[in-house]
Amino acid sequence: MSYNRIIIEQKIKEFLQEDCRFIDISSKVIPENANASAKIFAKSRGFVSGLNELKILYDILNVSTSFKKKDGDGVNNGDIVVELIGNARNILLGERTGLNLIVHMSAITTTARKYVKLIKESGKNVKIACTRKTTPGIRIFDKKAAEIGLADVHRFSLDDMILLKDTHLRYFSGDIVKLLDECKKKKSFSKKIEIEIEKVEDVLTAARNGADIIMLDNMGPDQVEDVINLLKKNNLRDKVIIEISGGITQDNIVDYLLSEPDVISTGKLTQFPSESVDFSLRFD
């Protein structure tokens, strides 16, 4: 997937500058012009991502890369993901930044794949999506890792789509109709409207007054089923996308799938990935 290389390269340069402001004083023991070869290998099982970013990092440092895996591939303990050839100091200069990035991204990718597997095994056609609960400054990497994990990326930023949350609704004293009317007056024709709903009885109001997507926030599986049955009874189920969010875990996701919402979103993919994948670098 072709995310903006200019932004990724800029970010990676910032990461390198954070890790080494002036000089790597530890690597002064290595002759300045010494060349070496090294390998980055997996130390656990999972799915790898961040390899495109690793290539960009070592391109910046003029180190040649030969990849044995590609983003999204499964890895086992001991699997080599990339071979490096170049200046020894430069290999070490990028080591920790590169490893941190692929460890972080691979954790997200592997966690997303686990949720996707649970949904597939259920036989339901429901998307799993990440949210804007990402680490400030590295959202592009968090979102990309989730997408490599076969999850939907949802919104990248506040200007992607309108999402009216409980805070917006409280400002309008709980008046869903007024909130949606004001929103429709001000929005571009190109933007969909999603609204967060906390009460089953409010869903019909949202569906009848211009909401394209309804997020059922922190509802239990039984409430979600009540909402969907209510929409069906009023011939509105096909008029809106139903997203459920809040309190979703690997242990209870199957319960939410039974009523077949369209999307399940969770911050756990990016904010608290349950799976971990470790990598290490070693000189030959």
Protein backbone atom coordinates (compact mmCIF):
# COMPACT_ATOMS: atom_id res chain seq x y z
CA MET A 1 0.00 0.00 0.00
CA SER A 2 1.38 3.36 -1.06
CA TYR A 3 1.20 5.72 1.88
CA ASN A 4 2.79 9.14 1.37
CA ARG A 5 6.54 8.45 1.24
CA ILE A 6 7.39 12.12 1.79
CA ILE A 7 5.63 12.13 5.17
CA ILE A 8 7.05 8.74 6.16
CA GLU A 9 10.58 9.77 5.25
CA GLN A 10 10.23 13.02 7.17
CA LYS A 11 8.97 11.17 10.24
CA ILE A 12 11.79 8.63 10.12
CA LYS A 13 14.40 11.37 9.86
CA GLU A 14 12.87 12.91 12.98
CA PHE A 15 13.06 9.55 14.75
CA LEU A 16 16.74 9.20 13.84
CA GLN A 17 17.44 12.72 15.07
CA GLU A 18 15.69 11.95 18.35
CA ASP A 19 17.89 8.89 18.89
CA CYS A 20 21.16 10.53 17.87
CA ARG A 21 21.39 14.30 18.16
CA PHE A 22 25.06 14.66 17.19
CA ILE A 23 27.12 11.44 17.21
CA ASP A 24 26.82 7.83 18.30
CA ILE A 25 29.60 7.84 20.88
CA SER A 26 29.30 4.09 21.48
CA SER A 27 30.10 3.27 17.85
CA LYS A 28 33.31 5.34 17.79
CA VAL A 29 35.04 2.09 18.70
CA ILE A 30 34.26 0.88 15.14
CA PRO A 31 36.48 2.30 12.36
CA GLU A 32 34.65 5.05 10.50
CA ASN A 33 34.88 3.36 7.09
CA ALA A 34 34.24 -0.21 8.23
CA ASN A 35 31.62 -2.10 6.23
CA ALA A 36 29.61 -5.00 7.58
CA SER A 37 26.64 -7.26 6.90
CA ALA A 38 23.84 -7.92 9.36
CA LYS A 39 20.47 -9.59 9.60
CA ILE A 40 17.22 -8.63 11.30
CA PHE A 41 15.31 -11.70 12.44
CA ALA A 42 12.12 -12.54 14.29
CA LYS A 43 12.29 -13.71 17.89
CA SER A 44 8.64 -14.77 18.14
CA ARG A 45 5.63 -15.68 16.01
CA GLY A 46 3.24 -13.23 14.41
CA PHE A 47 2.77 -11.07 11.32
CA VAL A 48 5.40 -8.56 10.30
CA SER A 49 4.78 -4.99 9.18
CA GLY A 50 6.88 -1.85 8.89
CA LEU A 51 9.31 -3.32 6.36
CA ASN A 52 8.70 -0.55 3.84
CA GLU A 53 9.54 1.92 6.61
CA LEU A 54 12.67 -0.09 7.43
CA LYS A 55 13.77 0.20 3.81
CA ILE A 56 13.22 3.97 3.81
CA LEU A 57 15.21 4.26 7.05
CA TYR A 58 18.20 2.36 5.67
CA ASP A 59 17.96 4.15 2.31
CA ILE A 60 18.46 7.37 4.27
CA LEU A 61 21.56 5.82 5.88
CA ASN A 62 22.90 4.43 2.55
CA VAL A 63 22.66 0.83 3.73
CA SER A 64 21.59 -1.82 1.21
CA THR A 65 18.61 -4.00 2.11
CA SER A 66 17.55 -7.41 0.85
CA PHE A 67 14.14 -8.41 2.20
CA LYS A 68 13.21 -12.04 2.82
CA LYS A 69 9.70 -11.16 4.00
CA LYS A 70 7.11 -8.61 2.92
CA ASP A 71 4.60 -6.63 4.96
CA GLY A 72 1.80 -8.89 6.18
CA ASP A 73 3.82 -12.12 6.01
CA GLY A 74 3.74 -14.52 8.92
CA VAL A 75 7.00 -14.99 10.82
CA ASN A 76 8.30 -17.60 13.22
CA ASN A 77 11.09 -17.44 15.77
CA GLY A 78 14.40 -17.29 13.90
CA ASP A 79 13.02 -16.18 10.53
CA ILE A 80 15.22 -13.63 8.75
CA VAL A 81 13.22 -10.64 7.52
CA VAL A 82 16.01 -8.55 5.98
CA GLU A 83 19.74 -8.68 5.24
CA LEU A 84 21.75 -5.45 5.52
CA ILE A 85 25.06 -4.50 3.89
CA GLY A 86 26.79 -1.15 4.42
CA ASN A 87 28.71 1.05 6.76
CA ALA A 88 28.77 -0.62 10.19
CA ARG A 89 28.21 2.62 12.08
CA ASN A 90 25.21 3.45 9.91
CA ILE A 91 23.70 0.00 10.44
CA LEU A 92 23.92 0.59 14.19
CA LEU A 93 22.65 4.16 13.86
CA GLY A 94 19.38 2.85 12.46
CA GLU A 95 19.16 -0.31 14.58
CA ARG A 96 16.99 0.79 17.51
CA THR A 97 14.75 3.13 15.50
CA GLY A 98 14.12 0.43 12.91
CA LEU A 99 13.50 -2.32 15.43
CA ASN A 100 11.19 -0.15 17.54
CA LEU A 101 9.11 0.67 14.51
CA ILE A 102 8.67 -2.87 13.19
CA VAL A 103 8.02 -4.26 16.70
CA HIS A 104 5.29 -1.64 17.24
CA MET A 105 3.70 -2.01 13.82
CA SER A 106 3.88 -5.80 13.86
CA ALA A 107 2.07 -5.90 17.22
CA ILE A 108 -0.81 -3.91 15.71
CA THR A 109 -0.86 -6.01 12.53
CA THR A 110 -0.83 -9.28 14.47
CA THR A 111 -3.58 -8.11 16.82
CA ALA A 112 -5.74 -7.00 13.88
CA ARG A 113 -5.25 -10.38 12.17
CA LYS A 114 -6.44 -12.11 15.34
CA TYR A 115 -9.70 -10.10 15.35
CA VAL A 116 -10.14 -10.71 11.62
CA LYS A 117 -9.70 -14.45 12.18
CA LEU A 118 -12.36 -14.47 14.91
CA ILE A 119 -14.82 -12.70 12.59
CA LYS A 120 -14.05 -15.00 9.67
CA GLU A 121 -14.55 -18.08 11.81
CA SER A 122 -17.95 -16.75 12.89
CA GLY A 123 -19.11 -16.69 9.27
CA LYS A 124 -20.37 -13.09 9.62
CA ASN A 125 -19.63 -10.33 7.11
CA VAL A 126 -18.53 -7.62 9.53
CA LYS A 127 -15.57 -5.24 9.28
CA ILE A 128 -13.16 -4.64 12.16
CA ALA A 129 -11.82 -1.09 12.30
CA CYS A 130 -9.27 0.83 14.30
CA THR A 131 -9.96 4.34 15.64
CA ARG A 132 -8.16 7.63 16.25
CA LYS A 133 -6.80 6.20 19.50
CA THR A 134 -3.26 6.22 18.18
CA THR A 135 0.07 7.43 19.53
CA PRO A 136 0.45 11.17 18.72
CA GLY A 137 2.97 11.70 15.96
CA ILE A 138 2.90 8.17 14.53
CA ARG A 139 -0.71 7.76 13.43
CA ILE A 140 0.32 7.07 9.85
CA PHE A 141 2.29 4.02 11.05
CA ASP A 142 -0.45 2.83 13.42
CA LYS A 143 -3.10 3.06 10.71
CA LYS A 144 -0.93 1.43 8.09
CA ALA A 145 -0.14 -1.45 10.44
CA ALA A 146 -3.86 -1.96 11.10
CA GLU A 147 -4.57 -2.00 7.37
CA ILE A 148 -1.80 -4.54 6.77
CA GLY A 149 -3.59 -6.54 9.45
CA LEU A 150 -6.70 -6.45 7.20
CA ALA A 151 -8.59 -4.00 9.44
CA ASP A 152 -10.41 -0.93 8.19
CA VAL A 153 -8.58 2.32 9.03
CA HIS A 154 -11.73 4.35 9.89
CA ARG A 155 -10.92 8.09 10.10
CA PHE A 156 -7.32 9.29 9.76
CA SER A 157 -8.18 12.72 11.15
CA LEU A 158 -11.01 15.03 12.15
CA ASP A 159 -11.44 16.35 8.62
CA ASP A 160 -12.06 12.93 7.05
CA MET A 161 -15.67 12.53 8.11
CA ILE A 162 -18.21 14.03 10.51
CA LEU A 163 -18.55 12.06 13.72
CA LEU A 164 -20.94 13.61 16.23
CA LYS A 165 -20.15 12.30 19.68
CA ASP A 166 -21.85 12.56 23.05
CA THR A 167 -20.00 15.83 23.67
CA HIS A 168 -21.59 17.42 20.58
CA LEU A 169 -25.01 16.11 21.61
CA ARG A 170 -24.69 17.48 25.14
CA TYR A 171 -23.92 20.91 23.71
CA PHE A 172 -27.31 20.67 21.96
CA SER A 173 -28.97 19.53 25.20
CA GLY A 174 -29.53 16.04 23.83
CA ASP A 175 -31.58 17.24 20.84
CA ILE A 176 -30.57 14.80 18.08
CA VAL A 177 -32.79 16.42 15.43
CA LYS A 178 -31.38 19.90 16.03
CA LEU A 179 -27.80 18.62 16.07
CA LEU A 180 -28.23 16.77 12.76
CA ASP A 181 -30.05 19.73 11.16
CA GLU A 182 -27.23 22.11 12.10
CA CYS A 183 -24.68 19.64 10.86
CA LYS A 184 -26.39 19.24 7.48
CA LYS A 185 -26.44 23.03 7.03
CA LYS A 186 -22.70 23.30 7.51
CA LYS A 187 -21.27 20.13 5.99
CA SER A 188 -19.83 19.62 2.52
CA PHE A 189 -21.84 17.38 0.20
CA SER A 190 -18.81 15.06 0.10
CA LYS A 191 -18.85 14.21 3.81
CA LYS A 192 -20.90 11.52 5.50
CA ILE A 193 -22.43 12.05 8.94
CA GLU A 194 -21.90 9.56 11.73
CA ILE A 195 -23.55 10.04 15.10
CA GLU A 196 -22.87 8.28 18.38
CA ILE A 197 -26.00 6.95 20.07
CA GLU A 198 -26.23 5.63 23.63
CA LYS A 199 -29.95 4.80 23.89
CA VAL A 200 -31.83 2.24 21.81
CA GLU A 201 -34.86 4.52 21.41
CA ASP A 202 -32.75 7.30 19.84
CA VAL A 203 -31.68 5.21 16.87
CA LEU A 204 -34.86 5.78 14.84
CA THR A 205 -34.54 9.53 15.31
CA ALA A 206 -30.98 9.47 14.02
CA ALA A 207 -31.82 7.23 11.07
CA ARG A 208 -34.80 9.40 10.04
CA ASN A 209 -32.96 12.71 10.27
CA GLY A 210 -29.92 12.35 8.07
CA ALA A 211 -27.39 10.11 9.83
CA ASP A 212 -25.46 7.97 7.35
CA ILE A 213 -23.72 5.95 10.05
CA ILE A 214 -24.90 5.23 13.58
CA MET A 215 -22.37 4.28 16.21
CA LEU A 216 -23.79 2.28 19.09
CA ASP A 217 -21.57 3.33 21.95
CA ASN A 218 -20.92 0.98 24.87
CA MET A 219 -24.07 -1.05 24.26
CA GLY A 220 -24.22 -4.72 25.22
CA PRO A 221 -24.90 -7.44 22.63
CA ASP A 222 -28.59 -7.61 23.58
CA GLN A 223 -29.01 -3.85 23.10
CA VAL A 224 -27.28 -4.03 19.73
CA GLU A 225 -29.70 -6.77 18.69
CA ASP A 226 -32.64 -4.63 19.87
CA VAL A 227 -31.40 -1.69 17.77
CA ILE A 228 -31.00 -3.74 14.61
CA ASN A 229 -34.39 -5.40 15.04
CA LEU A 230 -35.98 -1.98 15.58
CA LEU A 231 -34.42 -0.66 12.38
CA LYS A 232 -35.60 -3.72 10.45
CA LYS A 233 -39.12 -3.36 11.81
CA ASN A 234 -39.21 0.24 10.56
CA ASN A 235 -37.61 -0.58 7.17
CA LEU A 236 -34.53 1.50 8.00
CA ARG A 237 -31.82 -1.16 8.37
CA ASP A 238 -30.58 -0.71 4.81
CA LYS A 239 -30.59 3.10 5.13
CA VAL A 240 -27.76 3.33 7.66
CA ILE A 241 -24.43 1.74 8.47
CA ILE A 242 -24.32 0.37 12.01
CA GLU A 243 -21.03 0.61 13.85
CA ILE A 244 -20.57 -0.68 17.36
CA SER A 245 -17.78 0.47 19.63
CA GLY A 246 -16.77 0.44 23.26
CA GLY A 247 -15.98 -2.55 25.42
CA ILE A 248 -15.19 -4.87 22.51
CA THR A 249 -12.66 -7.60 23.33
CA GLN A 250 -11.46 -10.82 21.77
CA ASP A 251 -13.49 -12.65 24.40
CA ASN A 252 -16.84 -11.02 23.64
CA ILE A 253 -16.64 -10.01 19.97
CA VAL A 254 -18.50 -13.14 18.81
CA ASP A 255 -21.50 -12.11 20.96
CA TYR A 256 -21.64 -8.79 19.09
CA LEU A 257 -21.35 -10.47 15.70
CA LEU A 258 -24.58 -12.44 16.12
CA SER A 259 -26.81 -9.48 15.21
CA GLU A 260 -24.58 -8.64 12.21
CA PRO A 261 -23.63 -4.97 12.56
CA ASP A 262 -21.67 -3.53 9.64
CA VAL A 263 -18.56 -2.42 11.52
CA ILE A 264 -16.97 -3.10 14.89
CA SER A 265 -14.39 -0.51 15.92
CA THR A 266 -11.96 -0.73 18.78
CA GLY A 267 -9.04 1.29 20.07
CA LYS A 268 -7.47 -1.95 21.27
CA LEU A 269 -5.95 -2.54 17.83
CA THR A 270 -3.69 0.49 18.07
CA GLN A 271 -3.77 1.67 21.67
CA PHE A 272 -3.49 -1.66 23.50
CA PRO A 273 -2.49 -4.36 20.98
CA SER A 274 -2.75 -7.72 22.70
CA GLU A 275 -0.16 -9.48 20.57
CA SER A 276 3.58 -8.83 20.54
CA VAL A 277 6.22 -9.71 17.97
CA ASP A 278 9.90 -9.25 18.76
CA PHE A 279 12.82 -8.70 16.39
CA SER A 280 16.58 -8.36 16.78
CA LEU A 281 19.60 -7.33 14.68
CA ARG A 282 22.85 -9.27 14.59
CA PHE A 283 26.07 -8.74 12.66
CA ASP A 284 27.23 -11.70 10.57
